[in-house]
Amino acid sequence: MKEVIRQIYTQAKLLGACPLFKGTEQTVEDIVRLFESPQGIEFCMKNHFPNMATFRLFKPHGVEKYGIYIDAGTLTLKDPSRAILIGRTSATIFCSKTERHEIILLHGAKAIVNANRWAVARVQSEQGCSVIKNTSDNAIII
């Protein structure tokens, strides 16, 4: 894992990664924490980074427990506080809790976001991703 982190760090630095990424991260949790930060997501979306081959290296490390779905196929999510869909992932997402739901799509992922009641869903997607947004009641999707 340390070698993978080192490779990602080298690539990110060439693209001008934010100073939060030091290259000294030791675990998957360290990388996920940086990736999920607003600066990390912005950097990845702006630079289409990392590539799918690199993302796939993280799939065996159980990143779904962090709300990151890499080549996850077709799935249904209910009231996720955050869901990051990557690659060959197609999700139907239901948001009904009175809270903020953050949904991010990268590398061609697809989602149908259904928000109702007083839910607020924020959706960010890269070019090449597909999102269908449905609202009812007082819910909003931004």
N, C-alpha and C. Protein backbone atom coordinates (compact mmCIF):
# COMPACT_ATOMS: atom_id res chain seq x y z
N MET A 1 0.82 -1.19 0.00
CA MET A 1 0.00 0.00 0.00
C MET A 1 0.88 1.26 0.00
N LYS A 2 1.98 1.23 0.72
CA LYS A 2 2.85 2.40 0.76
C LYS A 2 3.38 2.77 -0.62
N GLU A 3 3.67 1.76 -1.43
CA GLU A 3 4.16 2.01 -2.79
C GLU A 3 3.08 2.67 -3.64
N VAL A 4 1.84 2.21 -3.49
CA VAL A 4 0.72 2.81 -4.22
C VAL A 4 0.56 4.27 -3.81
N ILE A 5 0.62 4.53 -2.52
CA ILE A 5 0.49 5.91 -2.02
C ILE A 5 1.61 6.78 -2.58
N ARG A 6 2.82 6.25 -2.61
CA ARG A 6 3.95 7.00 -3.16
C ARG A 6 3.74 7.34 -4.64
N GLN A 7 3.23 6.38 -5.40
CA GLN A 7 2.96 6.61 -6.83
C GLN A 7 1.89 7.67 -7.02
N ILE A 8 0.83 7.59 -6.23
CA ILE A 8 -0.24 8.58 -6.32
C ILE A 8 0.29 9.96 -5.97
N TYR A 9 1.10 10.04 -4.93
CA TYR A 9 1.67 11.32 -4.51
C TYR A 9 2.51 11.93 -5.63
N THR A 10 3.34 11.12 -6.26
CA THR A 10 4.20 11.60 -7.35
C THR A 10 3.35 12.16 -8.49
N GLN A 11 2.32 11.43 -8.89
CA GLN A 11 1.43 11.89 -9.95
C GLN A 11 0.70 13.16 -9.56
N ALA A 12 0.20 13.21 -8.33
CA ALA A 12 -0.56 14.37 -7.86
C ALA A 12 0.31 15.61 -7.80
N LYS A 13 1.52 15.48 -7.37
CA LYS A 13 2.42 16.63 -7.29
C LYS A 13 2.69 17.22 -8.67
N LEU A 14 2.80 16.36 -9.67
CA LEU A 14 3.00 16.84 -11.04
C LEU A 14 1.82 17.67 -11.52
N LEU A 15 0.63 17.38 -10.99
CA LEU A 15 -0.58 18.11 -11.38
C LEU A 15 -0.86 19.30 -10.46
N GLY A 16 -0.04 19.48 -9.44
CA GLY A 16 -0.22 20.61 -8.53
C GLY A 16 -1.16 20.32 -7.38
N ALA A 17 -1.03 19.16 -6.76
CA ALA A 17 -1.90 18.77 -5.65
C ALA A 17 -1.81 19.77 -4.50
N CYS A 18 -2.88 19.83 -3.73
CA CYS A 18 -2.92 20.75 -2.60
C CYS A 18 -1.89 20.33 -1.55
N PRO A 19 -1.45 21.26 -0.73
CA PRO A 19 -0.40 20.96 0.26
C PRO A 19 -0.85 20.02 1.38
N LEU A 20 -2.14 19.70 1.46
CA LEU A 20 -2.59 18.75 2.48
C LEU A 20 -2.04 17.35 2.21
N PHE A 21 -1.79 17.04 0.95
CA PHE A 21 -1.28 15.73 0.55
C PHE A 21 0.24 15.76 0.66
N LYS A 22 0.76 15.08 1.66
CA LYS A 22 2.19 15.13 1.95
C LYS A 22 2.98 13.97 1.35
N GLY A 23 2.29 12.87 1.04
CA GLY A 23 2.99 11.69 0.55
C GLY A 23 3.47 10.81 1.68
N THR A 24 3.22 11.21 2.91
CA THR A 24 3.63 10.43 4.08
C THR A 24 2.47 9.62 4.66
N GLU A 25 1.32 9.67 4.00
CA GLU A 25 0.16 8.93 4.47
C GLU A 25 0.49 7.44 4.48
N GLN A 26 0.00 6.75 5.49
CA GLN A 26 0.39 5.35 5.69
C GLN A 26 -0.71 4.35 5.38
N THR A 27 -1.97 4.77 5.52
CA THR A 27 -3.07 3.81 5.44
C THR A 27 -4.12 4.26 4.43
N VAL A 28 -5.01 3.34 4.13
CA VAL A 28 -6.14 3.65 3.26
C VAL A 28 -6.98 4.76 3.89
N GLU A 29 -7.16 4.70 5.22
CA GLU A 29 -7.94 5.72 5.91
C GLU A 29 -7.34 7.11 5.73
N ASP A 30 -6.01 7.20 5.75
CA ASP A 30 -5.34 8.49 5.55
C ASP A 30 -5.64 9.05 4.16
N ILE A 31 -5.57 8.19 3.16
CA ILE A 31 -5.82 8.62 1.78
C ILE A 31 -7.29 8.98 1.60
N VAL A 32 -8.20 8.16 2.15
CA VAL A 32 -9.63 8.44 2.03
C VAL A 32 -9.97 9.78 2.66
N ARG A 33 -9.41 10.07 3.81
CA ARG A 33 -9.67 11.34 4.49
C ARG A 33 -9.28 12.52 3.60
N LEU A 34 -8.14 12.44 2.94
CA LEU A 34 -7.72 13.52 2.04
C LEU A 34 -8.60 13.57 0.79
N PHE A 35 -8.90 12.41 0.24
CA PHE A 35 -9.70 12.33 -0.97
C PHE A 35 -11.09 12.93 -0.75
N GLU A 36 -11.69 12.65 0.41
CA GLU A 36 -13.04 13.12 0.70
C GLU A 36 -13.11 14.59 1.11
N SER A 37 -11.99 15.20 1.36
CA SER A 37 -12.01 16.62 1.73
C SER A 37 -12.47 17.45 0.54
N PRO A 38 -13.05 18.63 0.79
CA PRO A 38 -13.47 19.48 -0.34
C PRO A 38 -12.33 19.75 -1.32
N GLN A 39 -11.12 19.99 -0.80
CA GLN A 39 -9.97 20.25 -1.66
C GLN A 39 -9.60 19.01 -2.47
N GLY A 40 -9.69 17.84 -1.84
CA GLY A 40 -9.35 16.59 -2.52
C GLY A 40 -10.31 16.28 -3.65
N ILE A 41 -11.61 16.41 -3.39
CA ILE A 41 -12.61 16.16 -4.43
C ILE A 41 -12.45 17.16 -5.56
N GLU A 42 -12.27 18.43 -5.23
CA GLU A 42 -12.10 19.46 -6.25
C GLU A 42 -10.89 19.15 -7.14
N PHE A 43 -9.77 18.79 -6.52
CA PHE A 43 -8.56 18.47 -7.27
C PHE A 43 -8.80 17.27 -8.20
N CYS A 44 -9.41 16.22 -7.68
CA CYS A 44 -9.64 15.01 -8.47
C CYS A 44 -10.57 15.28 -9.64
N MET A 45 -11.63 16.06 -9.40
CA MET A 45 -12.56 16.35 -10.49
C MET A 45 -11.92 17.26 -11.54
N LYS A 46 -11.19 18.24 -11.10
CA LYS A 46 -10.55 19.19 -12.02
C LYS A 46 -9.52 18.50 -12.91
N ASN A 47 -8.79 17.55 -12.34
CA ASN A 47 -7.69 16.90 -13.06
C ASN A 47 -8.00 15.49 -13.53
N HIS A 48 -9.25 15.05 -13.32
CA HIS A 48 -9.64 13.68 -13.69
C HIS A 48 -8.61 12.69 -13.11
N PHE A 49 -8.38 12.84 -11.81
CA PHE A 49 -7.30 12.15 -11.10
C PHE A 49 -7.88 11.37 -9.93
N PRO A 50 -7.33 10.26 -9.54
CA PRO A 50 -6.40 9.44 -10.30
C PRO A 50 -7.14 8.69 -11.40
N ASN A 51 -6.40 7.99 -12.21
CA ASN A 51 -7.03 7.23 -13.30
C ASN A 51 -7.72 6.00 -12.72
N MET A 52 -8.54 5.35 -13.55
CA MET A 52 -9.31 4.19 -13.08
C MET A 52 -8.43 3.05 -12.60
N ALA A 53 -7.30 2.84 -13.25
CA ALA A 53 -6.41 1.76 -12.82
C ALA A 53 -5.96 1.98 -11.38
N THR A 54 -5.70 3.22 -11.02
CA THR A 54 -5.27 3.53 -9.65
C THR A 54 -6.43 3.38 -8.68
N PHE A 55 -7.61 3.89 -9.05
CA PHE A 55 -8.77 3.71 -8.18
C PHE A 55 -9.02 2.23 -7.90
N ARG A 56 -8.88 1.42 -8.91
CA ARG A 56 -9.14 -0.03 -8.75
C ARG A 56 -8.19 -0.69 -7.75
N LEU A 57 -7.03 -0.12 -7.53
CA LEU A 57 -6.10 -0.66 -6.53
C LEU A 57 -6.67 -0.55 -5.12
N PHE A 58 -7.60 0.40 -4.92
CA PHE A 58 -8.18 0.61 -3.59
C PHE A 58 -9.42 -0.25 -3.34
N LYS A 59 -10.01 -0.78 -4.38
CA LYS A 59 -11.24 -1.57 -4.24
C LYS A 59 -11.09 -2.75 -3.26
N PRO A 60 -10.01 -3.51 -3.31
CA PRO A 60 -9.88 -4.65 -2.39
C PRO A 60 -9.70 -4.24 -0.92
N HIS A 61 -9.51 -2.97 -0.66
CA HIS A 61 -9.28 -2.51 0.72
C HIS A 61 -10.56 -2.07 1.43
N GLY A 62 -11.72 -2.45 0.89
CA GLY A 62 -12.98 -2.20 1.57
C GLY A 62 -13.39 -0.74 1.66
N VAL A 63 -13.14 0.02 0.61
CA VAL A 63 -13.46 1.45 0.66
C VAL A 63 -14.97 1.73 0.66
N GLU A 64 -15.79 0.71 0.40
CA GLU A 64 -17.23 0.91 0.45
C GLU A 64 -17.69 1.31 1.85
N LYS A 65 -16.95 0.89 2.87
CA LYS A 65 -17.33 1.29 4.23
C LYS A 65 -17.17 2.79 4.44
N TYR A 66 -16.45 3.46 3.55
CA TYR A 66 -16.29 4.91 3.60
C TYR A 66 -17.25 5.62 2.63
N GLY A 67 -18.13 4.85 1.98
CA GLY A 67 -19.06 5.43 1.03
C GLY A 67 -18.47 5.64 -0.35
N ILE A 68 -17.39 4.93 -0.66
CA ILE A 68 -16.74 5.02 -1.97
C ILE A 68 -17.01 3.72 -2.72
N TYR A 69 -17.66 3.84 -3.87
CA TYR A 69 -18.06 2.67 -4.64
C TYR A 69 -17.34 2.68 -5.98
N ILE A 70 -16.40 1.75 -6.15
CA ILE A 70 -15.57 1.66 -7.35
C ILE A 70 -16.00 0.44 -8.15
N ASP A 71 -16.42 0.66 -9.39
CA ASP A 71 -16.88 -0.44 -10.25
C ASP A 71 -17.82 -1.36 -9.48
N ALA A 72 -18.80 -0.77 -8.81
CA ALA A 72 -19.68 -1.53 -7.92
C ALA A 72 -20.91 -2.11 -8.61
N GLY A 73 -21.05 -1.88 -9.91
CA GLY A 73 -22.22 -2.40 -10.61
C GLY A 73 -23.45 -1.59 -10.26
N THR A 74 -24.59 -2.26 -10.20
CA THR A 74 -25.86 -1.60 -9.90
C THR A 74 -26.15 -1.73 -8.42
N LEU A 75 -26.44 -0.61 -7.78
CA LEU A 75 -26.72 -0.65 -6.36
C LEU A 75 -27.78 0.37 -5.97
N THR A 76 -28.36 0.18 -4.80
CA THR A 76 -29.35 1.09 -4.24
C THR A 76 -28.83 1.58 -2.90
N LEU A 77 -28.86 2.90 -2.70
CA LEU A 77 -28.41 3.49 -1.45
C LEU A 77 -29.55 4.29 -0.83
N LYS A 78 -29.72 4.16 0.47
CA LYS A 78 -30.76 4.89 1.18
C LYS A 78 -30.13 5.83 2.19
N ASP A 79 -30.41 7.10 2.02
CA ASP A 79 -29.99 8.16 2.91
C ASP A 79 -28.49 8.18 3.22
N PRO A 80 -27.64 8.11 2.20
CA PRO A 80 -26.21 8.22 2.49
C PRO A 80 -25.85 9.67 2.84
N SER A 81 -25.01 9.85 3.82
CA SER A 81 -24.54 11.22 4.08
C SER A 81 -23.57 11.62 2.98
N ARG A 82 -22.80 10.64 2.49
CA ARG A 82 -21.89 10.87 1.36
C ARG A 82 -21.76 9.57 0.57
N ALA A 83 -21.84 9.71 -0.75
CA ALA A 83 -21.62 8.57 -1.64
C ALA A 83 -20.76 9.05 -2.79
N ILE A 84 -19.64 8.38 -3.00
CA ILE A 84 -18.75 8.69 -4.11
C ILE A 84 -18.79 7.49 -5.05
N LEU A 85 -19.34 7.73 -6.24
CA LEU A 85 -19.51 6.66 -7.23
C LEU A 85 -18.44 6.82 -8.30
N ILE A 86 -17.73 5.73 -8.59
CA ILE A 86 -16.59 5.79 -9.50
C ILE A 86 -16.67 4.65 -10.51
N GLY A 87 -16.44 4.98 -11.77
CA GLY A 87 -16.33 3.96 -12.81
C GLY A 87 -17.65 3.29 -13.13
N ARG A 88 -17.60 1.98 -13.28
CA ARG A 88 -18.78 1.20 -13.66
C ARG A 88 -19.69 0.99 -12.45
N THR A 89 -20.25 2.08 -12.00
CA THR A 89 -21.17 2.07 -10.87
C THR A 89 -22.43 2.82 -11.30
N SER A 90 -23.56 2.20 -11.07
CA SER A 90 -24.85 2.82 -11.39
C SER A 90 -25.73 2.69 -10.15
N ALA A 91 -26.08 3.81 -9.55
CA ALA A 91 -26.80 3.78 -8.28
C ALA A 91 -28.13 4.49 -8.36
N THR A 92 -29.09 3.93 -7.68
CA THR A 92 -30.34 4.62 -7.40
C THR A 92 -30.24 5.03 -5.94
N ILE A 93 -30.34 6.32 -5.71
CA ILE A 93 -30.11 6.86 -4.37
C ILE A 93 -31.39 7.53 -3.88
N PHE A 94 -31.83 7.14 -2.69
CA PHE A 94 -33.01 7.71 -2.07
C PHE A 94 -32.58 8.57 -0.88
N CYS A 95 -32.97 9.83 -0.92
CA CYS A 95 -32.64 10.76 0.15
C CYS A 95 -33.95 11.28 0.74
N SER A 96 -34.22 10.94 2.00
CA SER A 96 -35.46 11.41 2.62
C SER A 96 -35.25 11.99 4.01
N LYS A 97 -34.09 11.76 4.61
CA LYS A 97 -33.82 12.32 5.93
C LYS A 97 -33.60 13.82 5.83
N THR A 98 -33.94 14.51 6.88
CA THR A 98 -33.75 15.95 6.94
C THR A 98 -32.29 16.22 7.28
N GLU A 99 -31.47 16.07 6.27
CA GLU A 99 -30.04 16.32 6.40
C GLU A 99 -29.46 16.54 5.01
N ARG A 100 -28.19 16.84 4.97
CA ARG A 100 -27.51 17.06 3.70
C ARG A 100 -26.91 15.74 3.23
N HIS A 101 -27.17 15.42 1.97
CA HIS A 101 -26.64 14.22 1.35
C HIS A 101 -25.70 14.67 0.24
N GLU A 102 -24.48 14.17 0.25
CA GLU A 102 -23.51 14.56 -0.77
C GLU A 102 -23.25 13.37 -1.69
N ILE A 103 -23.42 13.61 -2.99
CA ILE A 103 -23.24 12.56 -3.98
C ILE A 103 -22.25 13.06 -5.03
N ILE A 104 -21.21 12.28 -5.27
CA ILE A 104 -20.14 12.66 -6.18
C ILE A 104 -19.96 11.53 -7.19
N LEU A 105 -19.87 11.90 -8.46
CA LEU A 105 -19.69 10.91 -9.53
C LEU A 105 -18.41 11.20 -10.28
N LEU A 106 -17.61 10.17 -10.49
CA LEU A 106 -16.34 10.28 -11.19
C LEU A 106 -16.21 9.16 -12.22
N HIS A 107 -15.45 9.42 -13.27
CA HIS A 107 -15.06 8.42 -14.26
C HIS A 107 -16.24 7.63 -14.85
N GLY A 108 -17.28 8.34 -15.26
CA GLY A 108 -18.39 7.71 -15.97
C GLY A 108 -19.47 7.07 -15.13
N ALA A 109 -19.47 7.28 -13.83
CA ALA A 109 -20.50 6.71 -12.96
C ALA A 109 -21.87 7.31 -13.30
N LYS A 110 -22.93 6.60 -12.89
CA LYS A 110 -24.29 7.04 -13.16
C LYS A 110 -25.11 6.98 -11.88
N ALA A 111 -26.08 7.90 -11.77
CA ALA A 111 -26.94 7.89 -10.59
C ALA A 111 -28.31 8.45 -10.91
N ILE A 112 -29.30 7.89 -10.25
CA ILE A 112 -30.64 8.47 -10.19
C ILE A 112 -30.81 8.88 -8.73
N VAL A 113 -30.99 10.18 -8.51
CA VAL A 113 -31.12 10.70 -7.15
C VAL A 113 -32.57 11.09 -6.93
N ASN A 114 -33.21 10.44 -5.96
CA ASN A 114 -34.60 10.70 -5.60
C ASN A 114 -34.62 11.33 -4.21
N ALA A 115 -35.01 12.60 -4.14
CA ALA A 115 -35.06 13.29 -2.85
C ALA A 115 -36.50 13.66 -2.53
N ASN A 116 -36.89 13.44 -1.28
CA ASN A 116 -38.22 13.84 -0.84
C ASN A 116 -38.19 14.36 0.59
N ARG A 117 -39.36 14.71 1.08
CA ARG A 117 -39.53 15.33 2.40
C ARG A 117 -38.72 16.62 2.44
N TRP A 118 -37.83 16.75 3.42
CA TRP A 118 -37.03 17.98 3.59
C TRP A 118 -35.55 17.71 3.29
N ALA A 119 -35.25 16.69 2.54
CA ALA A 119 -33.86 16.33 2.24
C ALA A 119 -33.21 17.38 1.33
N VAL A 120 -31.92 17.53 1.53
CA VAL A 120 -31.10 18.38 0.66
C VAL A 120 -29.98 17.50 0.12
N ALA A 121 -29.93 17.38 -1.20
CA ALA A 121 -28.88 16.57 -1.83
C ALA A 121 -28.01 17.48 -2.68
N ARG A 122 -26.72 17.36 -2.50
CA ARG A 122 -25.76 18.10 -3.32
C ARG A 122 -25.09 17.09 -4.23
N VAL A 123 -25.19 17.31 -5.52
CA VAL A 123 -24.63 16.38 -6.50
C VAL A 123 -23.53 17.08 -7.28
N GLN A 124 -22.38 16.45 -7.36
CA GLN A 124 -21.26 16.92 -8.17
C GLN A 124 -20.87 15.78 -9.10
N SER A 125 -20.67 16.12 -10.37
CA SER A 125 -20.26 15.06 -11.30
C SER A 125 -19.29 15.59 -12.34
N GLU A 126 -18.36 14.74 -12.69
CA GLU A 126 -17.41 15.03 -13.75
C GLU A 126 -18.11 14.93 -15.09
N GLN A 127 -17.47 15.52 -16.09
CA GLN A 127 -17.95 15.34 -17.46
C GLN A 127 -17.90 13.85 -17.78
N GLY A 128 -18.93 13.36 -18.46
CA GLY A 128 -18.98 11.95 -18.82
C GLY A 128 -19.79 11.11 -17.84
N CYS A 129 -20.23 11.72 -16.75
CA CYS A 129 -21.08 11.01 -15.79
C CYS A 129 -22.53 11.39 -16.08
N SER A 130 -23.46 10.59 -15.58
CA SER A 130 -24.87 10.82 -15.84
C SER A 130 -25.65 10.87 -14.53
N VAL A 131 -26.48 11.92 -14.38
CA VAL A 131 -27.29 12.07 -13.17
C VAL A 131 -28.72 12.43 -13.57
N ILE A 132 -29.67 11.72 -13.01
CA ILE A 132 -31.08 12.05 -13.14
C ILE A 132 -31.54 12.47 -11.75
N LYS A 133 -32.17 13.65 -11.66
CA LYS A 133 -32.58 14.20 -10.37
C LYS A 133 -34.11 14.26 -10.29
N ASN A 134 -34.66 13.69 -9.22
CA ASN A 134 -36.10 13.71 -8.98
C ASN A 134 -36.35 14.25 -7.58
N THR A 135 -37.22 15.23 -7.46
CA THR A 135 -37.57 15.76 -6.14
C THR A 135 -39.08 15.73 -5.93
N SER A 136 -39.46 15.65 -4.67
CA SER A 136 -40.87 15.78 -4.29
C SER A 136 -40.92 16.40 -2.90
N ASP A 137 -42.12 16.79 -2.51
CA ASP A 137 -42.33 17.48 -1.24
C ASP A 137 -41.48 18.76 -1.24
N ASN A 138 -40.72 18.97 -0.18
CA ASN A 138 -39.90 20.18 -0.06
C ASN A 138 -38.41 19.92 -0.29
N ALA A 139 -38.07 18.79 -0.78
CA ALA A 139 -36.66 18.42 -1.01
C ALA A 139 -36.06 19.25 -2.13
N ILE A 140 -34.75 19.44 -2.04
CA ILE A 140 -34.04 20.11 -3.12
C ILE A 140 -32.76 19.34 -3.46
N ILE A 141 -32.39 19.43 -4.72
CA ILE A 141 -31.12 18.86 -5.19
C ILE A 141 -30.35 20.00 -5.81
N ILE A 142 -29.16 20.24 -5.29
CA ILE A 142 -28.31 21.32 -5.83
C ILE A 142 -27.07 20.74 -6.45
